[in-house]
Amino acid sequence: MITVEVERTGDPDQIQAVYLEKLADELSHRGLEAWLMAPPGRTPSLYVVNPAARALEENVYVAVVVLVVVGGAYSHRRRR
């Protein structure tokens, strides 16, 4: 599990990019290649490739989960 501290801004794409950059660092330390893809107006993603087997590649996206506390209980919603 990767834990990332993120300062809250009004831009969810910026928050997602921070998480993806941290993941890219972790994957690079484990021998994978990773590039942050953040074209304007699109959801950021991380393109990950195994250099030992180029056919093993994935695009990774972040789902931001918002916790809502209501009367001592909480529920979660996925933010899009």
PDB file of N, CA and C in Angstrom:
ATOM      1  N   MET A   1       0.843  -1.170   0.000  1.00  0.00           N
ATOM      2  CA  MET A   1       0.000   0.000   0.000  1.00  0.00           C
ATOM      3  C   MET A   1       0.888   1.232   0.000  1.00  0.00           C
ATOM      4  N   ILE A   2       0.484   2.237  -0.765  1.00  0.00           N
ATOM      5  CA  ILE A   2       1.227   3.488  -0.842  1.00  0.00           C
ATOM      6  C   ILE A   2       0.386   4.582  -0.219  1.00  0.00           C
ATOM      7  N   THR A   3       0.969   5.301   0.741  1.00  0.00           N
ATOM      8  CA  THR A   3       0.275   6.411   1.384  1.00  0.00           C
ATOM      9  C   THR A   3       0.892   7.708   0.907  1.00  0.00           C
ATOM     10  N   VAL A   4       0.034   8.647   0.517  1.00  0.00           N
ATOM     11  CA  VAL A   4       0.504   9.921  -0.002  1.00  0.00           C
ATOM     12  C   VAL A   4      -0.242  11.041   0.703  1.00  0.00           C
ATOM     13  N   GLU A   5       0.507  12.030   1.204  1.00  0.00           N
ATOM     14  CA  GLU A   5      -0.091  13.232   1.783  1.00  0.00           C
ATOM     15  C   GLU A   5      -0.273  14.238   0.661  1.00  0.00           C
ATOM     16  N   VAL A   6      -1.481  14.735   0.496  1.00  0.00           N
ATOM     17  CA  VAL A   6      -1.768  15.681  -0.573  1.00  0.00           C
ATOM     18  C   VAL A   6      -2.467  16.897   0.007  1.00  0.00           C
ATOM     19  N   GLU A   7      -1.948  18.085  -0.328  1.00  0.00           N
ATOM     20  CA  GLU A   7      -2.631  19.309   0.064  1.00  0.00           C
ATOM     21  C   GLU A   7      -3.858  19.451  -0.829  1.00  0.00           C
ATOM     22  N   ARG A   8      -5.014  19.657  -0.217  1.00  0.00           N
ATOM     23  CA  ARG A   8      -6.260  19.754  -0.970  1.00  0.00           C
ATOM     24  C   ARG A   8      -6.312  21.031  -1.790  1.00  0.00           C
ATOM     25  N   THR A   9      -6.558  20.874  -3.065  1.00  0.00           N
ATOM     26  CA  THR A   9      -6.782  22.012  -3.938  1.00  0.00           C
ATOM     27  C   THR A   9      -8.138  21.799  -4.571  1.00  0.00           C
ATOM     28  N   GLY A  10      -8.591  22.735  -5.351  1.00  0.00           N
ATOM     29  CA  GLY A  10      -9.871  22.589  -6.011  1.00  0.00           C
ATOM     30  C   GLY A  10      -9.791  21.733  -7.258  1.00  0.00           C
ATOM     31  N   ASP A  11      -8.590  21.288  -7.649  1.00  0.00           N
ATOM     32  CA  ASP A  11      -8.409  20.568  -8.901  1.00  0.00           C
ATOM     33  C   ASP A  11      -8.176  19.077  -8.651  1.00  0.00           C
ATOM     34  N   PRO A  12      -9.206  18.231  -8.894  1.00  0.00           N
ATOM     35  CA  PRO A  12      -9.028  16.797  -8.669  1.00  0.00           C
ATOM     36  C   PRO A  12      -7.956  16.185  -9.573  1.00  0.00           C
ATOM     37  N   ASP A  13      -7.757  16.735 -10.777  1.00  0.00           N
ATOM     38  CA  ASP A  13      -6.724  16.207 -11.664  1.00  0.00           C
ATOM     39  C   ASP A  13      -5.338  16.389 -11.064  1.00  0.00           C
ATOM     40  N   GLN A  14      -5.123  17.516 -10.371  1.00  0.00           N
ATOM     41  CA  GLN A  14      -3.825  17.757  -9.733  1.00  0.00           C
ATOM     42  C   GLN A  14      -3.596  16.758  -8.598  1.00  0.00           C
ATOM     43  N   ILE A  15      -4.628  16.482  -7.832  1.00  0.00           N
ATOM     44  CA  ILE A  15      -4.517  15.502  -6.745  1.00  0.00           C
ATOM     45  C   ILE A  15      -4.195  14.126  -7.317  1.00  0.00           C
ATOM     46  N   GLN A  16      -4.883  13.734  -8.378  1.00  0.00           N
ATOM     47  CA  GLN A  16      -4.635  12.431  -9.003  1.00  0.00           C
ATOM     48  C   GLN A  16      -3.209  12.361  -9.535  1.00  0.00           C
ATOM     49  N   ALA A  17      -2.720  13.448 -10.129  1.00  0.00           N
ATOM     50  CA  ALA A  17      -1.364  13.470 -10.669  1.00  0.00           C
ATOM     51  C   ALA A  17      -0.324  13.265  -9.568  1.00  0.00           C
ATOM     52  N   VAL A  18      -0.548  13.828  -8.383  1.00  0.00           N
ATOM     53  CA  VAL A  18       0.385  13.648  -7.261  1.00  0.00           C
ATOM     54  C   VAL A  18       0.453  12.179  -6.864  1.00  0.00           C
ATOM     55  N   TYR A  19      -0.710  11.529  -6.757  1.00  0.00           N
ATOM     56  CA  TYR A  19      -0.732  10.100  -6.428  1.00  0.00           C
ATOM     57  C   TYR A  19      -0.002   9.285  -7.506  1.00  0.00           C
ATOM     58  N   LEU A  20      -0.258   9.601  -8.756  1.00  0.00           N
ATOM     59  CA  LEU A  20       0.359   8.858  -9.845  1.00  0.00           C
ATOM     60  C   LEU A  20       1.872   9.073  -9.892  1.00  0.00           C
ATOM     61  N   GLU A  21       2.345  10.279  -9.597  1.00  0.00           N
ATOM     62  CA  GLU A  21       3.787  10.531  -9.553  1.00  0.00           C
ATOM     63  C   GLU A  21       4.455   9.706  -8.460  1.00  0.00           C
ATOM     64  N   LYS A  22       3.821   9.608  -7.305  1.00  0.00           N
ATOM     65  CA  LYS A  22       4.364   8.801  -6.209  1.00  0.00           C
ATOM     66  C   LYS A  22       4.406   7.332  -6.619  1.00  0.00           C
ATOM     67  N   LEU A  23       3.345   6.858  -7.251  1.00  0.00           N
ATOM     68  CA  LEU A  23       3.314   5.470  -7.724  1.00  0.00           C
ATOM     69  C   LEU A  23       4.406   5.236  -8.761  1.00  0.00           C
ATOM     70  N   ALA A  24       4.610   6.195  -9.665  1.00  0.00           N
ATOM     71  CA  ALA A  24       5.665   6.067 -10.675  1.00  0.00           C
ATOM     72  C   ALA A  24       7.034   5.919 -10.014  1.00  0.00           C
ATOM     73  N   ASP A  25       7.301   6.706  -8.967  1.00  0.00           N
ATOM     74  CA  ASP A  25       8.570   6.584  -8.232  1.00  0.00           C
ATOM     75  C   ASP A  25       8.732   5.194  -7.639  1.00  0.00           C
ATOM     76  N   GLU A  26       7.686   4.700  -7.003  1.00  0.00           N
ATOM     77  CA  GLU A  26       7.731   3.372  -6.375  1.00  0.00           C
ATOM     78  C   GLU A  26       7.962   2.277  -7.417  1.00  0.00           C
ATOM     79  N   LEU A  27       7.258   2.354  -8.539  1.00  0.00           N
ATOM     80  CA  LEU A  27       7.404   1.332  -9.582  1.00  0.00           C
ATOM     81  C   LEU A  27       8.782   1.395 -10.231  1.00  0.00           C
ATOM     82  N   SER A  28       9.317   2.590 -10.407  1.00  0.00           N
ATOM     83  CA  SER A  28      10.656   2.744 -10.989  1.00  0.00           C
ATOM     84  C   SER A  28      11.713   2.095 -10.094  1.00  0.00           C
ATOM     85  N   HIS A  29      11.553   2.225  -8.785  1.00  0.00           N
ATOM     86  CA  HIS A  29      12.483   1.587  -7.844  1.00  0.00           C
ATOM     87  C   HIS A  29      12.408   0.066  -7.918  1.00  0.00           C
ATOM     88  N   ARG A  30      11.328  -0.453  -8.459  1.00  0.00           N
ATOM     89  CA  ARG A  30      11.135  -1.900  -8.585  1.00  0.00           C
ATOM     90  C   ARG A  30      11.439  -2.400 -10.005  1.00  0.00           C
ATOM     91  N   GLY A  31      12.040  -1.531 -10.827  1.00  0.00           N
ATOM     92  CA  GLY A  31      12.513  -1.957 -12.135  1.00  0.00           C
ATOM     93  C   GLY A  31      11.527  -1.775 -13.287  1.00  0.00           C
ATOM     94  N   LEU A  32      10.395  -1.168 -13.041  1.00  0.00           N
ATOM     95  CA  LEU A  32       9.437  -0.907 -14.111  1.00  0.00           C
ATOM     96  C   LEU A  32       9.641   0.501 -14.654  1.00  0.00           C
ATOM     97  N   GLU A  33       9.149   0.736 -15.852  1.00  0.00           N
ATOM     98  CA  GLU A  33       9.189   2.072 -16.433  1.00  0.00           C
ATOM     99  C   GLU A  33       7.792   2.662 -16.327  1.00  0.00           C
ATOM    100  N   ALA A  34       7.700   3.931 -15.947  1.00  0.00           N
ATOM    101  CA  ALA A  34       6.388   4.556 -15.755  1.00  0.00           C
ATOM    102  C   ALA A  34       6.442   6.010 -16.197  1.00  0.00           C
ATOM    103  N   TRP A  35       5.419   6.424 -16.951  1.00  0.00           N
ATOM    104  CA  TRP A  35       5.316   7.801 -17.433  1.00  0.00           C
ATOM    105  C   TRP A  35       3.960   8.366 -17.056  1.00  0.00           C
ATOM    106  N   LEU A  36       3.959   9.556 -16.509  1.00  0.00           N
ATOM    107  CA  LEU A  36       2.716  10.252 -16.201  1.00  0.00           C
ATOM    108  C   LEU A  36       2.182  10.865 -17.487  1.00  0.00           C
ATOM    109  N   MET A  37       0.939  10.562 -17.808  1.00  0.00           N
ATOM    110  CA  MET A  37       0.271  11.100 -18.989  1.00  0.00           C
ATOM    111  C   MET A  37      -0.806  12.052 -18.470  1.00  0.00           C
ATOM    112  N   ALA A  38      -0.665  13.346 -18.744  1.00  0.00           N
ATOM    113  CA  ALA A  38      -1.626  14.334 -18.243  1.00  0.00           C
ATOM    114  C   ALA A  38      -1.941  15.370 -19.318  1.00  0.00           C
ATOM    115  N   PRO A  39      -2.600  14.923 -20.403  1.00  0.00           N
ATOM    116  CA  PRO A  39      -2.949  15.897 -21.445  1.00  0.00           C
ATOM    117  C   PRO A  39      -4.012  16.872 -20.948  1.00  0.00           C
ATOM    118  N   PRO A  40      -3.973  18.118 -21.391  1.00  0.00           N
ATOM    119  CA  PRO A  40      -4.955  19.112 -20.937  1.00  0.00           C
ATOM    120  C   PRO A  40      -6.393  18.660 -21.203  1.00  0.00           C
ATOM    121  N   GLY A  41      -7.233  18.808 -20.191  1.00  0.00           N
ATOM    122  CA  GLY A  41      -8.641  18.463 -20.331  1.00  0.00           C
ATOM    123  C   GLY A  41      -8.945  16.989 -20.211  1.00  0.00           C
ATOM    124  N   ARG A  42      -7.952  16.149 -19.915  1.00  0.00           N
ATOM    125  CA  ARG A  42      -8.162  14.703 -19.785  1.00  0.00           C
ATOM    126  C   ARG A  42      -7.746  14.245 -18.398  1.00  0.00           C
ATOM    127  N   THR A  43      -8.290  13.128 -17.967  1.00  0.00           N
ATOM    128  CA  THR A  43      -7.933  12.548 -16.672  1.00  0.00           C
ATOM    129  C   THR A  43      -6.495  12.042 -16.738  1.00  0.00           C
ATOM    130  N   PRO A  44      -5.654  12.396 -15.753  1.00  0.00           N
ATOM    131  CA  PRO A  44      -4.272  11.911 -15.761  1.00  0.00           C
ATOM    132  C   PRO A  44      -4.222  10.394 -15.586  1.00  0.00           C
ATOM    133  N   SER A  45      -3.202   9.787 -16.166  1.00  0.00           N
ATOM    134  CA  SER A  45      -2.992   8.352 -16.009  1.00  0.00           C
ATOM    135  C   SER A  45      -1.498   8.090 -15.964  1.00  0.00           C
ATOM    136  N   LEU A  46      -1.156   6.880 -15.581  1.00  0.00           N
ATOM    137  CA  LEU A  46       0.238   6.458 -15.530  1.00  0.00           C
ATOM    138  C   LEU A  46       0.389   5.291 -16.498  1.00  0.00           C
ATOM    139  N   TYR A  47       1.309   5.418 -17.441  1.00  0.00           N
ATOM    140  CA  TYR A  47       1.584   4.345 -18.396  1.00  0.00           C
ATOM    141  C   TYR A  47       2.765   3.566 -17.836  1.00  0.00           C
ATOM    142  N   VAL A  48       2.560   2.258 -17.580  1.00  0.00           N
ATOM    143  CA  VAL A  48       3.567   1.422 -16.925  1.00  0.00           C
ATOM    144  C   VAL A  48       3.951   0.274 -17.856  1.00  0.00           C
ATOM    145  N   VAL A  49       5.270   0.055 -17.989  1.00  0.00           N
ATOM    146  CA  VAL A  49       5.784  -1.009 -18.848  1.00  0.00           C
ATOM    147  C   VAL A  49       6.836  -1.810 -18.091  1.00  0.00           C
ATOM    148  N   ASN A  50       6.814  -3.125 -18.282  1.00  0.00           N
ATOM    149  CA  ASN A  50       7.862  -3.989 -17.768  1.00  0.00           C
ATOM    150  C   ASN A  50       8.941  -4.077 -18.839  1.00  0.00           C
ATOM    151  N   PRO A  51      10.147  -3.515 -18.602  1.00  0.00           N
ATOM    152  CA  PRO A  51      11.180  -3.509 -19.648  1.00  0.00           C
ATOM    153  C   PRO A  51      11.670  -4.905 -20.022  1.00  0.00           C
ATOM    154  N   ALA A  52      11.478  -5.871 -19.139  1.00  0.00           N
ATOM    155  CA  ALA A  52      11.900  -7.238 -19.438  1.00  0.00           C
ATOM    156  C   ALA A  52      10.889  -7.955 -20.336  1.00  0.00           C
ATOM    157  N   ALA A  53       9.674  -7.440 -20.400  1.00  0.00           N
ATOM    158  CA  ALA A  53       8.619  -8.040 -21.226  1.00  0.00           C
ATOM    159  C   ALA A  53       7.719  -6.903 -21.690  1.00  0.00           C
ATOM    160  N   ARG A  54       8.092  -6.247 -22.767  1.00  0.00           N
ATOM    161  CA  ARG A  54       7.404  -5.049 -23.236  1.00  0.00           C
ATOM    162  C   ARG A  54       5.909  -5.253 -23.469  1.00  0.00           C
ATOM    163  N   ALA A  55       5.480  -6.490 -23.693  1.00  0.00           N
ATOM    164  CA  ALA A  55       4.043  -6.753 -23.899  1.00  0.00           C
ATOM    165  C   ALA A  55       3.249  -6.539 -22.615  1.00  0.00           C
ATOM    166  N   LEU A  56       3.942  -6.522 -21.475  1.00  0.00           N
ATOM    167  CA  LEU A  56       3.268  -6.295 -20.192  1.00  0.00           C
ATOM    168  C   LEU A  56       3.228  -4.795 -19.935  1.00  0.00           C
ATOM    169  N   GLU A  57       2.115  -4.181 -20.273  1.00  0.00           N
ATOM    170  CA  GLU A  57       1.944  -2.740 -20.116  1.00  0.00           C
ATOM    171  C   GLU A  57       0.530  -2.457 -19.635  1.00  0.00           C
ATOM    172  N   GLU A  58       0.379  -1.377 -18.901  1.00  0.00           N
ATOM    173  CA  GLU A  58      -0.932  -0.991 -18.367  1.00  0.00           C
ATOM    174  C   GLU A  58      -1.029   0.522 -18.270  1.00  0.00           C
ATOM    175  N   ASN A  59      -2.247   1.024 -18.350  1.00  0.00           N
ATOM    176  CA  ASN A  59      -2.566   2.408 -18.013  1.00  0.00           C
ATOM    177  C   ASN A  59      -3.251   2.383 -16.663  1.00  0.00           C
ATOM    178  N   VAL A  60      -2.764   3.179 -15.723  1.00  0.00           N
ATOM    179  CA  VAL A  60      -3.280   3.194 -14.357  1.00  0.00           C
ATOM    180  C   VAL A  60      -3.954   4.538 -14.106  1.00  0.00           C
ATOM    181  N   TYR A  61      -5.145   4.487 -13.537  1.00  0.00           N
ATOM    182  CA  TYR A  61      -5.896   5.693 -13.180  1.00  0.00           C
ATOM    183  C   TYR A  61      -6.125   5.705 -11.680  1.00  0.00           C
ATOM    184  N   VAL A  62      -6.366   6.883 -11.105  1.00  0.00           N
ATOM    185  CA  VAL A  62      -6.639   7.027  -9.676  1.00  0.00           C
ATOM    186  C   VAL A  62      -8.127   7.287  -9.482  1.00  0.00           C
ATOM    187  N   ALA A  63      -8.713   6.604  -8.514  1.00  0.00           N
ATOM    188  CA  ALA A  63     -10.085   6.894  -8.104  1.00  0.00           C
ATOM    189  C   ALA A  63     -10.000   7.643  -6.776  1.00  0.00           C
ATOM    190  N   VAL A  64     -10.512   8.858  -6.752  1.00  0.00           N
ATOM    191  CA  VAL A  64     -10.507   9.643  -5.519  1.00  0.00           C
ATOM    192  C   VAL A  64     -11.772   9.289  -4.753  1.00  0.00           C
ATOM    193  N   VAL A  65     -11.612   8.842  -3.519  1.00  0.00           N
ATOM    194  CA  VAL A  65     -12.739   8.459  -2.677  1.00  0.00           C
ATOM    195  C   VAL A  65     -12.965   9.548  -1.643  1.00  0.00           C
ATOM    196  N   VAL A  66     -14.186   9.999  -1.539  1.00  0.00           N
ATOM    197  CA  VAL A  66     -14.547  11.034  -0.579  1.00  0.00           C
ATOM    198  C   VAL A  66     -15.318  10.374   0.557  1.00  0.00           C
ATOM    199  N   LEU A  67     -14.858  10.555   1.791  1.00  0.00           N
ATOM    200  CA  LEU A  67     -15.555  10.025   2.957  1.00  0.00           C
ATOM    201  C   LEU A  67     -16.493  11.093   3.496  1.00  0.00           C
ATOM    202  N   VAL A  68     -17.719  10.700   3.732  1.00  0.00           N
ATOM    203  CA  VAL A  68     -18.723  11.620   4.254  1.00  0.00           C
ATOM    204  C   VAL A  68     -19.149  11.113   5.625  1.00  0.00           C
ATOM    205  N   VAL A  69     -18.951  11.927   6.655  1.00  0.00           N
ATOM    206  CA  VAL A  69     -19.325  11.544   8.020  1.00  0.00           C
ATOM    207  C   VAL A  69     -20.719  12.086   8.303  1.00  0.00           C
ATOM    208  N   VAL A  70     -21.630  11.175   8.684  1.00  0.00           N
ATOM    209  CA  VAL A  70     -23.014  11.548   8.981  1.00  0.00           C
ATOM    210  C   VAL A  70     -23.388  10.915  10.317  1.00  0.00           C
ATOM    211  N   GLY A  71     -23.563  11.737  11.329  1.00  0.00           N
ATOM    212  CA  GLY A  71     -24.008  11.233  12.637  1.00  0.00           C
ATOM    213  C   GLY A  71     -23.147  10.135  13.227  1.00  0.00           C
ATOM    214  N   GLY A  72     -21.841  10.250  13.110  1.00  0.00           N
ATOM    215  CA  GLY A  72     -20.934   9.271  13.703  1.00  0.00           C
ATOM    216  C   GLY A  72     -20.633   8.090  12.793  1.00  0.00           C
ATOM    217  N   ALA A  73     -21.396   7.890  11.742  1.00  0.00           N
ATOM    218  CA  ALA A  73     -21.126   6.830  10.773  1.00  0.00           C
ATOM    219  C   ALA A  73     -20.577   7.481   9.513  1.00  0.00           C
ATOM    220  N   TYR A  74     -19.984   6.689   8.665  1.00  0.00           N
ATOM    221  CA  TYR A  74     -19.489   7.270   7.421  1.00  0.00           C
ATOM    222  C   TYR A  74     -19.890   6.406   6.235  1.00  0.00           C
ATOM    223  N   SER A  75     -19.939   7.037   5.106  1.00  0.00           N
ATOM    224  CA  SER A  75     -20.131   6.336   3.849  1.00  0.00           C
ATOM    225  C   SER A  75     -19.097   6.875   2.884  1.00  0.00           C
ATOM    226  N   HIS A  76     -18.868   6.178   1.807  1.00  0.00           N
ATOM    227  CA  HIS A  76     -17.896   6.682   0.845  1.00  0.00           C
ATOM    228  C   HIS A  76     -18.520   6.734  -0.538  1.00  0.00           C
ATOM    229  N   ARG A  77     -18.042   7.694  -1.309  1.00  0.00           N
ATOM    230  CA  ARG A  77     -18.480   7.881  -2.673  1.00  0.00           C
ATOM    231  C   ARG A  77     -17.263   8.022  -3.557  1.00  0.00           C
ATOM    232  N   ARG A  78     -17.345   7.465  -4.719  1.00  0.00           N
ATOM    233  CA  ARG A  78     -16.275   7.654  -5.678  1.00  0.00           C
ATOM    234  C   ARG A  78     -16.479   8.977  -6.396  1.00  0.00           C
ATOM    235  N   ARG A  79     -15.431   9.737  -6.492  1.00  0.00           N
ATOM    236  CA  ARG A  79     -15.498  11.034  -7.156  1.00  0.00           C
ATOM    237  C   ARG A  79     -15.050  10.868  -8.607  1.00  0.00           C
ATOM    238  N   ARG A  80     -15.772  11.421  -9.526  1.00  0.00           N
ATOM    239  CA  ARG A  80     -15.406  11.289 -10.944  1.00  0.00           C
ATOM    240  C   ARG A  80     -14.957  12.589 -11.518  1.00  0.00           C
TER     241      ARG A  80
END
